[in-house]
């Protein structure tokens, strides 16, 4: 995942996520998806789009207080229109890479 300050909205972030899905698309998710969202008061909210048009996933995380601003934990949710209603949320951990 790569995030940086959003080019149009200074209070927001944008970027992309790269995943090894085994194929170019699995279940409607692309190996590379666009991200955009906000970081506010230690909470990270990102919308993911595999097609550049609709939201296909959401990332909601919270800054780990003991991490000196370098680690978030949260849940990813499949939000495609055809996602099964009982699709589970997937836990994630994001850590800032050294030298960034």
N, C-alpha and C. Protein backbone atom coordinates (compact mmCIF):
# COMPACT_ATOMS: atom_id res chain seq x y z
N UNK A 1 0.85 -1.17 0.00
CA UNK A 1 0.00 0.00 0.00
C UNK A 1 0.89 1.23 0.00
N UNK A 2 0.49 2.20 -0.78
CA UNK A 2 1.21 3.46 -0.84
C UNK A 2 0.19 4.58 -0.67
N UNK A 3 0.43 5.45 0.31
CA UNK A 3 -0.45 6.58 0.56
C UNK A 3 0.37 7.86 0.59
N UNK A 4 -0.24 8.94 0.12
CA UNK A 4 0.38 10.26 0.18
C UNK A 4 -0.72 11.30 0.27
N UNK A 5 -0.32 12.54 0.49
CA UNK A 5 -1.32 13.62 0.57
C UNK A 5 -2.08 13.68 -0.76
N UNK A 6 -3.39 13.82 -0.67
CA UNK A 6 -4.25 13.90 -1.85
C UNK A 6 -3.90 15.16 -2.65
N UNK A 7 -3.79 15.05 -3.95
CA UNK A 7 -3.40 16.17 -4.81
C UNK A 7 -4.41 17.32 -4.80
N UNK A 8 -5.70 17.01 -4.62
CA UNK A 8 -6.73 18.04 -4.67
C UNK A 8 -7.23 18.47 -3.30
N UNK A 9 -7.20 17.56 -2.33
CA UNK A 9 -7.76 17.83 -1.01
C UNK A 9 -6.66 17.66 0.05
N UNK A 10 -6.15 18.78 0.55
CA UNK A 10 -4.98 18.75 1.43
C UNK A 10 -5.20 18.01 2.75
N UNK A 11 -6.42 17.86 3.17
CA UNK A 11 -6.70 17.16 4.43
C UNK A 11 -6.94 15.67 4.22
N UNK A 12 -6.77 15.20 2.99
CA UNK A 12 -7.06 13.80 2.65
C UNK A 12 -5.81 13.09 2.15
N UNK A 13 -5.92 11.77 2.01
CA UNK A 13 -4.83 10.96 1.47
C UNK A 13 -5.35 10.21 0.25
N UNK A 14 -4.41 9.79 -0.61
CA UNK A 14 -4.75 9.00 -1.79
C UNK A 14 -3.57 8.08 -2.08
N UNK A 15 -3.85 7.02 -2.82
CA UNK A 15 -2.78 6.10 -3.17
C UNK A 15 -3.32 4.85 -3.83
N UNK A 16 -2.62 3.76 -3.60
CA UNK A 16 -3.03 2.49 -4.20
C UNK A 16 -2.58 1.33 -3.32
N UNK A 17 -3.18 0.20 -3.59
CA UNK A 17 -2.80 -1.04 -2.91
C UNK A 17 -2.53 -2.08 -3.99
N UNK A 18 -1.45 -2.81 -3.83
CA UNK A 18 -1.09 -3.90 -4.74
C UNK A 18 -1.22 -5.21 -3.98
N UNK A 19 -1.90 -6.18 -4.59
CA UNK A 19 -2.11 -7.47 -3.94
C UNK A 19 -1.81 -8.58 -4.92
N UNK A 20 -1.29 -9.68 -4.41
CA UNK A 20 -1.09 -10.87 -5.23
C UNK A 20 -2.36 -11.70 -5.10
N UNK A 21 -3.21 -11.61 -6.11
CA UNK A 21 -4.47 -12.34 -6.10
C UNK A 21 -4.40 -13.66 -6.85
N UNK A 22 -3.24 -13.93 -7.44
CA UNK A 22 -3.10 -15.15 -8.22
C UNK A 22 -3.53 -14.98 -9.66
N UNK A 23 -4.47 -14.07 -9.91
CA UNK A 23 -4.91 -13.70 -11.25
C UNK A 23 -5.10 -12.19 -11.25
N UNK A 24 -5.35 -11.62 -12.40
CA UNK A 24 -5.52 -10.17 -12.50
C UNK A 24 -6.74 -9.70 -11.71
N UNK A 25 -7.79 -10.52 -11.64
CA UNK A 25 -8.99 -10.16 -10.88
C UNK A 25 -9.53 -11.40 -10.18
N UNK A 26 -9.90 -11.23 -8.95
CA UNK A 26 -10.51 -12.31 -8.18
C UNK A 26 -11.74 -11.75 -7.50
N UNK A 27 -12.89 -12.28 -7.83
CA UNK A 27 -14.12 -11.84 -7.19
C UNK A 27 -14.44 -10.37 -7.41
N UNK A 28 -13.96 -9.79 -8.50
CA UNK A 28 -14.24 -8.39 -8.77
C UNK A 28 -13.22 -7.44 -8.20
N UNK A 29 -12.21 -7.94 -7.51
CA UNK A 29 -11.16 -7.09 -6.97
C UNK A 29 -9.94 -7.17 -7.87
N UNK A 30 -9.36 -6.02 -8.16
CA UNK A 30 -8.17 -5.96 -9.01
C UNK A 30 -6.93 -6.14 -8.16
N UNK A 31 -5.87 -6.61 -8.80
CA UNK A 31 -4.59 -6.74 -8.10
C UNK A 31 -4.09 -5.37 -7.66
N UNK A 32 -4.41 -4.33 -8.44
CA UNK A 32 -4.07 -2.95 -8.07
C UNK A 32 -5.37 -2.17 -7.95
N UNK A 33 -5.58 -1.55 -6.80
CA UNK A 33 -6.79 -0.76 -6.57
C UNK A 33 -6.41 0.63 -6.09
N UNK A 34 -7.24 1.60 -6.44
CA UNK A 34 -7.05 2.98 -6.01
C UNK A 34 -7.62 3.18 -4.62
N UNK A 35 -6.99 4.07 -3.86
CA UNK A 35 -7.44 4.38 -2.50
C UNK A 35 -7.58 5.90 -2.34
N UNK A 36 -8.55 6.32 -1.55
CA UNK A 36 -8.70 7.72 -1.18
C UNK A 36 -9.43 7.76 0.15
N UNK A 37 -9.04 8.69 1.01
CA UNK A 37 -9.71 8.78 2.30
C UNK A 37 -9.13 9.86 3.18
N UNK A 38 -9.37 9.70 4.47
CA UNK A 38 -8.99 10.70 5.44
C UNK A 38 -8.29 10.08 6.64
N UNK A 39 -7.43 10.88 7.23
CA UNK A 39 -6.78 10.55 8.49
C UNK A 39 -7.09 11.69 9.43
N UNK A 40 -7.87 11.39 10.45
CA UNK A 40 -8.32 12.43 11.36
C UNK A 40 -8.38 11.91 12.79
N UNK A 41 -7.68 12.61 13.67
CA UNK A 41 -7.68 12.26 15.10
C UNK A 41 -7.33 10.80 15.35
N UNK A 42 -6.37 10.28 14.60
CA UNK A 42 -5.91 8.92 14.81
C UNK A 42 -6.74 7.84 14.14
N UNK A 43 -7.74 8.25 13.36
CA UNK A 43 -8.58 7.28 12.64
C UNK A 43 -8.35 7.41 11.15
N UNK A 44 -8.16 6.29 10.49
CA UNK A 44 -7.92 6.23 9.05
C UNK A 44 -9.14 5.60 8.39
N UNK A 45 -9.73 6.29 7.43
CA UNK A 45 -10.83 5.74 6.65
C UNK A 45 -10.47 5.87 5.18
N UNK A 46 -10.49 4.74 4.47
CA UNK A 46 -10.13 4.71 3.06
C UNK A 46 -11.22 4.01 2.27
N UNK A 47 -11.53 4.56 1.11
CA UNK A 47 -12.38 3.89 0.14
C UNK A 47 -11.47 3.30 -0.93
N UNK A 48 -11.76 2.08 -1.32
CA UNK A 48 -10.97 1.36 -2.33
C UNK A 48 -11.82 1.19 -3.57
N UNK A 49 -11.19 1.39 -4.74
CA UNK A 49 -11.89 1.18 -6.00
C UNK A 49 -11.02 0.33 -6.92
N UNK A 50 -11.54 -0.82 -7.31
CA UNK A 50 -10.82 -1.71 -8.23
C UNK A 50 -11.01 -1.29 -9.68
N UNK A 51 -12.04 -0.47 -9.95
CA UNK A 51 -12.31 -0.07 -11.33
C UNK A 51 -12.22 1.43 -11.57
N UNK A 52 -11.89 2.20 -10.54
CA UNK A 52 -11.78 3.64 -10.68
C UNK A 52 -13.11 4.37 -10.70
N UNK A 53 -14.21 3.62 -10.51
CA UNK A 53 -15.54 4.22 -10.57
C UNK A 53 -16.31 3.99 -9.27
N UNK A 54 -16.48 2.72 -8.90
CA UNK A 54 -17.29 2.41 -7.72
C UNK A 54 -16.40 1.96 -6.56
N UNK A 55 -16.93 2.08 -5.35
CA UNK A 55 -16.21 1.65 -4.15
C UNK A 55 -16.37 0.14 -4.01
N UNK A 56 -15.24 -0.55 -3.98
CA UNK A 56 -15.27 -2.02 -3.91
C UNK A 56 -14.75 -2.54 -2.56
N UNK A 57 -14.30 -1.63 -1.71
CA UNK A 57 -13.84 -2.03 -0.39
C UNK A 57 -13.63 -0.80 0.48
N UNK A 58 -13.66 -1.01 1.79
CA UNK A 58 -13.38 0.07 2.73
C UNK A 58 -12.35 -0.40 3.74
N UNK A 59 -11.50 0.51 4.14
CA UNK A 59 -10.48 0.28 5.16
C UNK A 59 -10.76 1.25 6.31
N UNK A 60 -10.98 0.73 7.51
CA UNK A 60 -11.20 1.57 8.68
C UNK A 60 -10.23 1.13 9.76
N UNK A 61 -9.33 2.04 10.12
CA UNK A 61 -8.31 1.68 11.09
C UNK A 61 -8.09 2.77 12.12
N UNK A 62 -7.36 2.39 13.15
CA UNK A 62 -7.04 3.30 14.24
C UNK A 62 -5.54 3.24 14.50
N UNK A 63 -4.97 4.40 14.77
CA UNK A 63 -3.56 4.49 15.09
C UNK A 63 -3.27 3.73 16.38
N UNK A 64 -2.24 2.90 16.37
CA UNK A 64 -1.80 2.20 17.59
C UNK A 64 -1.02 3.22 18.40
N UNK A 65 -1.51 3.57 19.58
CA UNK A 65 -0.95 4.66 20.38
C UNK A 65 0.53 4.47 20.69
N UNK A 66 0.98 3.27 20.95
CA UNK A 66 2.37 3.02 21.33
C UNK A 66 3.31 2.98 20.12
N UNK A 67 2.82 3.23 18.92
CA UNK A 67 3.63 3.06 17.70
C UNK A 67 4.30 4.34 17.20
N UNK A 68 4.16 5.44 17.93
CA UNK A 68 4.75 6.73 17.52
C UNK A 68 4.29 7.13 16.12
N UNK A 69 3.03 6.88 15.80
CA UNK A 69 2.46 7.28 14.52
C UNK A 69 2.83 6.40 13.35
N UNK A 70 3.32 5.19 13.60
CA UNK A 70 3.80 4.33 12.52
C UNK A 70 2.96 3.10 12.25
N UNK A 71 1.89 2.87 13.01
CA UNK A 71 1.15 1.62 12.84
C UNK A 71 -0.35 1.86 13.03
N UNK A 72 -1.12 1.24 12.12
CA UNK A 72 -2.58 1.27 12.21
C UNK A 72 -3.09 -0.16 12.20
N UNK A 73 -4.15 -0.40 12.92
CA UNK A 73 -4.85 -1.68 12.85
C UNK A 73 -6.32 -1.38 12.59
N UNK A 74 -6.98 -2.31 11.91
CA UNK A 74 -8.38 -2.09 11.61
C UNK A 74 -9.00 -3.22 10.83
N UNK A 75 -10.07 -2.90 10.12
CA UNK A 75 -10.83 -3.90 9.37
C UNK A 75 -11.05 -3.45 7.93
N UNK A 76 -10.86 -4.39 7.01
CA UNK A 76 -11.17 -4.19 5.60
C UNK A 76 -12.50 -4.88 5.32
N UNK A 77 -13.36 -4.24 4.52
CA UNK A 77 -14.67 -4.80 4.18
C UNK A 77 -14.86 -4.78 2.68
N UNK A 78 -15.30 -5.91 2.13
CA UNK A 78 -15.66 -6.03 0.72
C UNK A 78 -17.02 -5.34 0.55
N UNK A 79 -17.06 -4.28 -0.25
CA UNK A 79 -18.31 -3.52 -0.41
C UNK A 79 -18.80 -3.52 -1.86
N UNK A 80 -18.33 -4.48 -2.66
CA UNK A 80 -18.84 -4.58 -4.03
C UNK A 80 -20.35 -4.78 -4.01
N UNK A 81 -21.02 -4.35 -5.06
CA UNK A 81 -22.47 -4.53 -5.17
C UNK A 81 -22.88 -5.99 -5.07
N UNK A 82 -22.04 -6.89 -5.60
CA UNK A 82 -22.39 -8.31 -5.59
C UNK A 82 -21.70 -9.10 -4.47
N UNK A 83 -21.14 -8.40 -3.49
CA UNK A 83 -20.53 -9.09 -2.35
C UNK A 83 -21.63 -9.77 -1.53
N UNK A 84 -21.40 -11.01 -1.10
CA UNK A 84 -22.40 -11.67 -0.26
C UNK A 84 -22.67 -10.86 1.01
N UNK A 85 -23.91 -10.82 1.47
CA UNK A 85 -24.25 -10.01 2.65
C UNK A 85 -23.52 -10.45 3.92
N UNK A 86 -23.09 -11.70 3.97
CA UNK A 86 -22.40 -12.20 5.17
C UNK A 86 -20.88 -12.20 5.00
N UNK A 87 -20.37 -11.42 4.04
CA UNK A 87 -18.93 -11.33 3.83
C UNK A 87 -18.27 -10.81 5.10
N UNK A 88 -17.31 -11.56 5.63
CA UNK A 88 -16.67 -11.11 6.88
C UNK A 88 -15.72 -9.95 6.66
N UNK A 89 -15.54 -9.14 7.70
CA UNK A 89 -14.53 -8.09 7.67
C UNK A 89 -13.18 -8.76 7.92
N UNK A 90 -12.14 -8.25 7.29
CA UNK A 90 -10.82 -8.85 7.39
C UNK A 90 -9.91 -7.92 8.18
N UNK A 91 -9.30 -8.41 9.26
CA UNK A 91 -8.39 -7.56 10.04
C UNK A 91 -7.13 -7.22 9.24
N UNK A 92 -6.60 -6.02 9.45
CA UNK A 92 -5.34 -5.63 8.80
C UNK A 92 -4.48 -4.86 9.79
N UNK A 93 -3.19 -4.86 9.50
CA UNK A 93 -2.21 -4.03 10.20
C UNK A 93 -1.39 -3.33 9.13
N UNK A 94 -1.26 -2.03 9.25
CA UNK A 94 -0.44 -1.23 8.33
C UNK A 94 0.69 -0.62 9.13
N UNK A 95 1.91 -0.76 8.62
CA UNK A 95 3.06 -0.16 9.28
C UNK A 95 3.83 0.70 8.29
N UNK A 96 4.24 1.86 8.74
CA UNK A 96 5.04 2.75 7.92
C UNK A 96 6.40 2.11 7.70
N UNK A 97 6.86 2.10 6.46
CA UNK A 97 8.16 1.49 6.17
C UNK A 97 9.28 2.43 6.57
N UNK A 98 10.43 1.87 7.01
CA UNK A 98 11.56 2.72 7.41
C UNK A 98 12.05 3.57 6.23
N UNK A 99 12.46 4.77 6.54
CA UNK A 99 12.98 5.66 5.53
C UNK A 99 11.92 6.44 4.79
N UNK A 100 10.66 6.29 5.17
CA UNK A 100 9.59 7.01 4.48
C UNK A 100 9.19 8.22 5.24
